[in-house]
Amino acid sequence: MEGNIARNKRRKRRRRGLRKTIRGTSERPRLAVFRSAKHIYAQIIDDFAGITLCEASTRGKELRDGIENGGNILAAKVVGKTLAERALAKDVKSVCFDRGGFRFHGRLKALADAAREAGLGF
């Protein structure tokens, strides 16, 4: 268990470093991603106004029933596509990607690629 605590501590340190440079504005909000072992969460945030514009996760009512396992690449693709559709409905076309201290591969990459394919620019 101690290895997990150290790994999470390192991730949070990387996250703080990333957040010094990444800021979401009203023209280009921040797409923040968090992944756990069972689920993946993504939200688009305007940091200056302090509001979340839209969100999607494998725990949401719309996606919960259609996804068998919330912690795999297929689920991340569905979340990315859904988030992009919701963002475009709110007239958000471009975002800056906040990977939250996680490495950009696997589920994070799948979510980002699905959001790009659905029309979100970053």
N, C-alpha and C. Protein backbone atom coordinates (compact mmCIF):
# COMPACT_ATOMS: atom_id res chain seq x y z
N MET A 1 0.82 -1.20 0.00
CA MET A 1 0.00 0.00 0.00
C MET A 1 0.86 1.26 0.00
N GLU A 2 2.03 1.16 0.57
CA GLU A 2 2.89 2.34 0.64
C GLU A 2 3.35 2.81 -0.73
N GLY A 3 3.48 1.88 -1.68
CA GLY A 3 3.85 2.26 -3.04
C GLY A 3 2.80 3.13 -3.70
N ASN A 4 1.52 2.82 -3.43
CA ASN A 4 0.43 3.62 -4.00
C ASN A 4 0.43 5.03 -3.44
N ILE A 5 0.73 5.16 -2.16
CA ILE A 5 0.75 6.49 -1.53
C ILE A 5 1.87 7.33 -2.13
N ALA A 6 3.04 6.73 -2.31
CA ALA A 6 4.16 7.46 -2.90
C ALA A 6 3.87 7.83 -4.35
N ARG A 7 3.26 6.94 -5.10
CA ARG A 7 2.93 7.20 -6.50
C ARG A 7 1.94 8.36 -6.59
N ASN A 8 0.93 8.36 -5.74
CA ASN A 8 -0.07 9.43 -5.74
C ASN A 8 0.56 10.76 -5.33
N LYS A 9 1.49 10.72 -4.40
CA LYS A 9 2.17 11.94 -3.97
C LYS A 9 2.99 12.54 -5.10
N ARG A 10 3.68 11.70 -5.86
CA ARG A 10 4.46 12.17 -7.01
C ARG A 10 3.54 12.76 -8.08
N ARG A 11 2.38 12.12 -8.31
CA ARG A 11 1.44 12.62 -9.31
C ARG A 11 0.90 13.99 -8.91
N LYS A 12 0.58 14.16 -7.64
CA LYS A 12 0.08 15.45 -7.17
C LYS A 12 1.15 16.53 -7.29
N ARG A 13 2.40 16.18 -7.09
CA ARG A 13 3.49 17.15 -7.26
C ARG A 13 3.61 17.58 -8.72
N ARG A 14 3.54 16.61 -9.64
CA ARG A 14 3.56 16.94 -11.06
C ARG A 14 2.36 17.80 -11.44
N ARG A 15 1.21 17.51 -10.86
CA ARG A 15 -0.01 18.26 -11.14
C ARG A 15 0.14 19.72 -10.73
N ARG A 16 0.72 19.96 -9.56
CA ARG A 16 0.93 21.35 -9.12
C ARG A 16 1.84 22.09 -10.09
N GLY A 17 2.87 21.43 -10.59
CA GLY A 17 3.76 22.07 -11.55
C GLY A 17 3.06 22.40 -12.86
N LEU A 18 2.21 21.49 -13.30
CA LEU A 18 1.46 21.74 -14.54
C LEU A 18 0.49 22.90 -14.39
N ARG A 19 -0.17 22.97 -13.24
CA ARG A 19 -1.19 23.99 -13.02
C ARG A 19 -0.60 25.39 -12.93
N LYS A 20 0.71 25.51 -12.71
CA LYS A 20 1.33 26.83 -12.71
C LYS A 20 1.30 27.44 -14.10
N THR A 21 1.36 26.59 -15.13
CA THR A 21 1.41 27.09 -16.50
C THR A 21 0.08 27.00 -17.23
N ILE A 22 -0.79 26.09 -16.84
CA ILE A 22 -2.05 25.90 -17.55
C ILE A 22 -3.17 26.64 -16.82
N ARG A 23 -3.81 27.57 -17.52
CA ARG A 23 -4.95 28.30 -16.98
C ARG A 23 -6.05 28.32 -18.03
N GLY A 24 -7.27 28.11 -17.60
CA GLY A 24 -8.39 28.15 -18.51
C GLY A 24 -9.03 29.52 -18.53
N THR A 25 -9.25 30.06 -19.71
CA THR A 25 -9.90 31.36 -19.87
C THR A 25 -11.29 31.15 -20.47
N SER A 26 -12.03 32.21 -20.61
CA SER A 26 -13.36 32.07 -21.21
C SER A 26 -13.25 31.76 -22.70
N GLU A 27 -12.18 32.25 -23.37
CA GLU A 27 -11.98 31.94 -24.78
C GLU A 27 -11.44 30.53 -24.97
N ARG A 28 -10.56 30.10 -24.06
CA ARG A 28 -9.94 28.78 -24.16
C ARG A 28 -9.90 28.14 -22.77
N PRO A 29 -10.98 27.48 -22.37
CA PRO A 29 -11.02 26.87 -21.04
C PRO A 29 -10.12 25.66 -20.92
N ARG A 30 -9.99 25.16 -19.71
CA ARG A 30 -9.10 24.03 -19.41
C ARG A 30 -9.91 22.74 -19.37
N LEU A 31 -9.41 21.72 -20.07
CA LEU A 31 -10.02 20.39 -20.02
C LEU A 31 -9.22 19.59 -19.00
N ALA A 32 -9.79 19.38 -17.82
CA ALA A 32 -9.12 18.67 -16.74
C ALA A 32 -9.60 17.22 -16.71
N VAL A 33 -8.65 16.29 -16.58
CA VAL A 33 -8.97 14.87 -16.58
C VAL A 33 -8.46 14.23 -15.30
N PHE A 34 -9.28 13.36 -14.72
CA PHE A 34 -8.87 12.55 -13.59
C PHE A 34 -9.27 11.12 -13.88
N ARG A 35 -8.38 10.20 -13.59
CA ARG A 35 -8.71 8.79 -13.79
C ARG A 35 -8.44 8.04 -12.50
N SER A 36 -9.33 7.12 -12.20
CA SER A 36 -9.13 6.20 -11.10
C SER A 36 -9.09 4.80 -11.69
N ALA A 37 -8.99 3.80 -10.87
CA ALA A 37 -8.92 2.44 -11.38
C ALA A 37 -10.25 2.02 -12.03
N LYS A 38 -11.36 2.55 -11.54
CA LYS A 38 -12.67 2.11 -12.03
C LYS A 38 -13.36 3.11 -12.94
N HIS A 39 -12.99 4.38 -12.90
CA HIS A 39 -13.72 5.40 -13.65
C HIS A 39 -12.76 6.44 -14.23
N ILE A 40 -13.29 7.25 -15.15
CA ILE A 40 -12.55 8.38 -15.70
C ILE A 40 -13.50 9.58 -15.73
N TYR A 41 -12.96 10.74 -15.36
CA TYR A 41 -13.75 11.96 -15.23
C TYR A 41 -13.08 13.05 -16.06
N ALA A 42 -13.87 13.89 -16.72
CA ALA A 42 -13.33 15.02 -17.47
C ALA A 42 -14.28 16.19 -17.33
N GLN A 43 -13.70 17.38 -17.20
CA GLN A 43 -14.53 18.58 -17.12
C GLN A 43 -13.82 19.74 -17.80
N ILE A 44 -14.61 20.66 -18.31
CA ILE A 44 -14.08 21.85 -18.96
C ILE A 44 -14.35 23.02 -18.02
N ILE A 45 -13.25 23.72 -17.63
CA ILE A 45 -13.31 24.71 -16.56
C ILE A 45 -12.80 26.06 -17.06
N ASP A 46 -13.53 27.10 -16.70
CA ASP A 46 -13.07 28.47 -16.90
C ASP A 46 -12.49 28.92 -15.56
N ASP A 47 -11.17 28.98 -15.45
CA ASP A 47 -10.52 29.27 -14.18
C ASP A 47 -10.72 30.71 -13.72
N PHE A 48 -10.80 31.66 -14.65
CA PHE A 48 -10.96 33.05 -14.25
C PHE A 48 -12.34 33.32 -13.68
N ALA A 49 -13.36 32.71 -14.26
CA ALA A 49 -14.71 32.86 -13.73
C ALA A 49 -14.97 31.89 -12.58
N GLY A 50 -14.17 30.82 -12.50
CA GLY A 50 -14.33 29.84 -11.44
C GLY A 50 -15.54 28.94 -11.62
N ILE A 51 -15.85 28.60 -12.88
CA ILE A 51 -17.02 27.76 -13.14
C ILE A 51 -16.65 26.58 -14.03
N THR A 52 -17.40 25.51 -13.88
CA THR A 52 -17.28 24.35 -14.75
C THR A 52 -18.33 24.50 -15.85
N LEU A 53 -17.87 24.51 -17.09
CA LEU A 53 -18.78 24.71 -18.22
C LEU A 53 -19.54 23.45 -18.57
N CYS A 54 -18.84 22.31 -18.58
CA CYS A 54 -19.50 21.03 -18.82
C CYS A 54 -18.61 19.91 -18.31
N GLU A 55 -19.21 18.73 -18.14
CA GLU A 55 -18.47 17.60 -17.61
C GLU A 55 -19.01 16.31 -18.20
N ALA A 56 -18.20 15.27 -18.13
CA ALA A 56 -18.62 13.93 -18.52
C ALA A 56 -17.78 12.94 -17.74
N SER A 57 -18.40 11.87 -17.31
CA SER A 57 -17.66 10.83 -16.61
C SER A 57 -18.39 9.50 -16.77
N THR A 58 -17.70 8.44 -16.43
CA THR A 58 -18.30 7.12 -16.53
C THR A 58 -19.30 6.89 -15.41
N ARG A 59 -19.38 7.79 -14.46
CA ARG A 59 -20.35 7.68 -13.38
C ARG A 59 -21.61 8.49 -13.65
N GLY A 60 -21.64 9.24 -14.74
CA GLY A 60 -22.81 10.04 -15.09
C GLY A 60 -24.00 9.18 -15.47
N LYS A 61 -25.18 9.70 -15.30
CA LYS A 61 -26.41 8.94 -15.54
C LYS A 61 -26.51 8.45 -16.98
N GLU A 62 -26.12 9.30 -17.94
CA GLU A 62 -26.26 8.94 -19.35
C GLU A 62 -25.28 7.84 -19.76
N LEU A 63 -24.08 7.86 -19.21
CA LEU A 63 -23.04 6.93 -19.63
C LEU A 63 -22.94 5.68 -18.77
N ARG A 64 -23.45 5.73 -17.58
CA ARG A 64 -23.29 4.63 -16.63
C ARG A 64 -23.87 3.31 -17.16
N ASP A 65 -25.05 3.39 -17.78
CA ASP A 65 -25.71 2.18 -18.22
C ASP A 65 -25.11 1.62 -19.52
N GLY A 66 -24.58 2.49 -20.37
CA GLY A 66 -24.06 2.04 -21.66
C GLY A 66 -22.64 1.49 -21.61
N ILE A 67 -21.96 1.67 -20.48
CA ILE A 67 -20.56 1.24 -20.37
C ILE A 67 -20.48 0.10 -19.36
N GLU A 68 -19.89 -1.01 -19.81
CA GLU A 68 -19.77 -2.16 -18.92
C GLU A 68 -18.68 -1.95 -17.88
N ASN A 69 -17.51 -1.45 -18.33
CA ASN A 69 -16.37 -1.21 -17.43
C ASN A 69 -15.94 0.24 -17.60
N GLY A 70 -15.96 1.01 -16.54
CA GLY A 70 -15.63 2.43 -16.63
C GLY A 70 -14.15 2.74 -16.60
N GLY A 71 -13.30 1.74 -16.43
CA GLY A 71 -11.87 2.00 -16.30
C GLY A 71 -11.05 1.49 -17.46
N ASN A 72 -11.61 1.47 -18.67
CA ASN A 72 -10.84 1.00 -19.81
C ASN A 72 -10.82 2.04 -20.93
N ILE A 73 -10.11 1.74 -22.00
CA ILE A 73 -9.93 2.68 -23.10
C ILE A 73 -11.25 2.96 -23.81
N LEU A 74 -12.09 1.95 -23.96
CA LEU A 74 -13.38 2.15 -24.61
C LEU A 74 -14.22 3.17 -23.86
N ALA A 75 -14.24 3.07 -22.54
CA ALA A 75 -14.99 4.03 -21.72
C ALA A 75 -14.41 5.43 -21.87
N ALA A 76 -13.09 5.55 -21.93
CA ALA A 76 -12.45 6.86 -22.09
C ALA A 76 -12.83 7.49 -23.42
N LYS A 77 -12.94 6.69 -24.47
CA LYS A 77 -13.35 7.21 -25.77
C LYS A 77 -14.77 7.75 -25.72
N VAL A 78 -15.65 7.04 -25.05
CA VAL A 78 -17.05 7.47 -24.94
C VAL A 78 -17.13 8.77 -24.14
N VAL A 79 -16.36 8.88 -23.06
CA VAL A 79 -16.35 10.10 -22.24
C VAL A 79 -15.81 11.28 -23.06
N GLY A 80 -14.73 11.06 -23.81
CA GLY A 80 -14.16 12.13 -24.63
C GLY A 80 -15.12 12.63 -25.69
N LYS A 81 -15.81 11.71 -26.35
CA LYS A 81 -16.79 12.09 -27.38
C LYS A 81 -17.96 12.85 -26.77
N THR A 82 -18.46 12.35 -25.65
CA THR A 82 -19.59 13.00 -24.98
C THR A 82 -19.22 14.40 -24.51
N LEU A 83 -18.01 14.55 -23.93
CA LEU A 83 -17.56 15.85 -23.45
C LEU A 83 -17.44 16.84 -24.61
N ALA A 84 -16.89 16.40 -25.72
CA ALA A 84 -16.74 17.28 -26.87
C ALA A 84 -18.10 17.73 -27.40
N GLU A 85 -19.07 16.83 -27.44
CA GLU A 85 -20.41 17.20 -27.91
C GLU A 85 -21.05 18.22 -26.99
N ARG A 86 -20.89 18.03 -25.68
CA ARG A 86 -21.45 18.99 -24.72
C ARG A 86 -20.74 20.34 -24.81
N ALA A 87 -19.43 20.32 -25.04
CA ALA A 87 -18.67 21.57 -25.15
C ALA A 87 -19.08 22.34 -26.40
N LEU A 88 -19.23 21.63 -27.51
CA LEU A 88 -19.62 22.30 -28.75
C LEU A 88 -21.03 22.85 -28.64
N ALA A 89 -21.90 22.20 -27.88
CA ALA A 89 -23.25 22.72 -27.66
C ALA A 89 -23.21 24.02 -26.87
N LYS A 90 -22.19 24.21 -26.03
CA LYS A 90 -22.03 25.45 -25.26
C LYS A 90 -21.11 26.43 -25.96
N ASP A 91 -20.81 26.17 -27.24
CA ASP A 91 -19.99 27.03 -28.09
C ASP A 91 -18.54 27.12 -27.62
N VAL A 92 -18.00 26.05 -27.08
CA VAL A 92 -16.58 25.94 -26.74
C VAL A 92 -15.93 25.10 -27.82
N LYS A 93 -15.02 25.71 -28.58
CA LYS A 93 -14.39 25.01 -29.69
C LYS A 93 -12.94 24.63 -29.43
N SER A 94 -12.29 25.35 -28.52
CA SER A 94 -10.87 25.14 -28.26
C SER A 94 -10.61 25.12 -26.76
N VAL A 95 -9.77 24.19 -26.31
CA VAL A 95 -9.45 24.05 -24.89
C VAL A 95 -7.95 23.82 -24.74
N CYS A 96 -7.45 24.00 -23.50
CA CYS A 96 -6.09 23.58 -23.20
C CYS A 96 -6.19 22.33 -22.32
N PHE A 97 -5.38 21.34 -22.60
CA PHE A 97 -5.51 20.02 -21.98
C PHE A 97 -4.69 19.96 -20.70
N ASP A 98 -5.35 19.63 -19.60
CA ASP A 98 -4.70 19.45 -18.29
C ASP A 98 -4.75 17.97 -17.97
N ARG A 99 -3.61 17.30 -18.07
CA ARG A 99 -3.57 15.85 -17.87
C ARG A 99 -3.55 15.47 -16.40
N GLY A 100 -3.50 16.42 -15.50
CA GLY A 100 -3.61 16.15 -14.08
C GLY A 100 -2.45 15.39 -13.47
N GLY A 101 -1.28 15.46 -14.07
CA GLY A 101 -0.12 14.77 -13.54
C GLY A 101 0.03 13.35 -14.05
N PHE A 102 -0.94 12.86 -14.81
CA PHE A 102 -0.86 11.52 -15.37
C PHE A 102 -0.06 11.55 -16.66
N ARG A 103 0.55 10.42 -17.01
CA ARG A 103 1.26 10.32 -18.28
C ARG A 103 0.25 10.34 -19.42
N PHE A 104 0.63 10.96 -20.53
CA PHE A 104 -0.27 11.07 -21.68
C PHE A 104 -0.16 9.80 -22.52
N HIS A 105 -0.83 8.75 -22.09
CA HIS A 105 -0.90 7.50 -22.84
C HIS A 105 -2.12 6.72 -22.35
N GLY A 106 -2.46 5.68 -23.04
CA GLY A 106 -3.56 4.83 -22.61
C GLY A 106 -4.89 5.54 -22.60
N ARG A 107 -5.55 5.55 -21.43
CA ARG A 107 -6.89 6.12 -21.33
C ARG A 107 -6.92 7.62 -21.57
N LEU A 108 -5.90 8.34 -21.10
CA LEU A 108 -5.88 9.79 -21.32
C LEU A 108 -5.75 10.10 -22.81
N LYS A 109 -4.89 9.38 -23.50
CA LYS A 109 -4.70 9.60 -24.92
C LYS A 109 -5.98 9.24 -25.68
N ALA A 110 -6.65 8.17 -25.28
CA ALA A 110 -7.89 7.77 -25.94
C ALA A 110 -8.97 8.84 -25.75
N LEU A 111 -9.08 9.39 -24.55
CA LEU A 111 -10.05 10.45 -24.29
C LEU A 111 -9.74 11.68 -25.14
N ALA A 112 -8.48 12.07 -25.20
CA ALA A 112 -8.09 13.25 -25.96
C ALA A 112 -8.34 13.05 -27.45
N ASP A 113 -7.99 11.88 -27.98
CA ASP A 113 -8.20 11.61 -29.40
C ASP A 113 -9.68 11.61 -29.76
N ALA A 114 -10.51 11.03 -28.89
CA ALA A 114 -11.96 11.00 -29.14
C ALA A 114 -12.54 12.41 -29.11
N ALA A 115 -12.06 13.26 -28.21
CA ALA A 115 -12.54 14.64 -28.14
C ALA A 115 -12.13 15.41 -29.39
N ARG A 116 -10.91 15.17 -29.86
CA ARG A 116 -10.45 15.84 -31.09
C ARG A 116 -11.28 15.39 -32.28
N GLU A 117 -11.55 14.10 -32.39
CA GLU A 117 -12.33 13.57 -33.51
C GLU A 117 -13.75 14.14 -33.51
N ALA A 118 -14.29 14.40 -32.33
CA ALA A 118 -15.64 14.94 -32.22
C ALA A 118 -15.69 16.46 -32.47
N GLY A 119 -14.54 17.09 -32.69
CA GLY A 119 -14.52 18.49 -33.08
C GLY A 119 -13.94 19.47 -32.09
N LEU A 120 -13.45 18.99 -30.96
CA LEU A 120 -12.84 19.88 -29.96
C LEU A 120 -11.38 20.11 -30.32
N GLY A 121 -10.93 21.35 -30.30
CA GLY A 121 -9.56 21.66 -30.70
C GLY A 121 -8.65 21.91 -29.52
N PHE A 122 -7.47 21.25 -29.53
CA PHE A 122 -6.39 21.51 -28.58
C PHE A 122 -5.13 20.85 -29.03
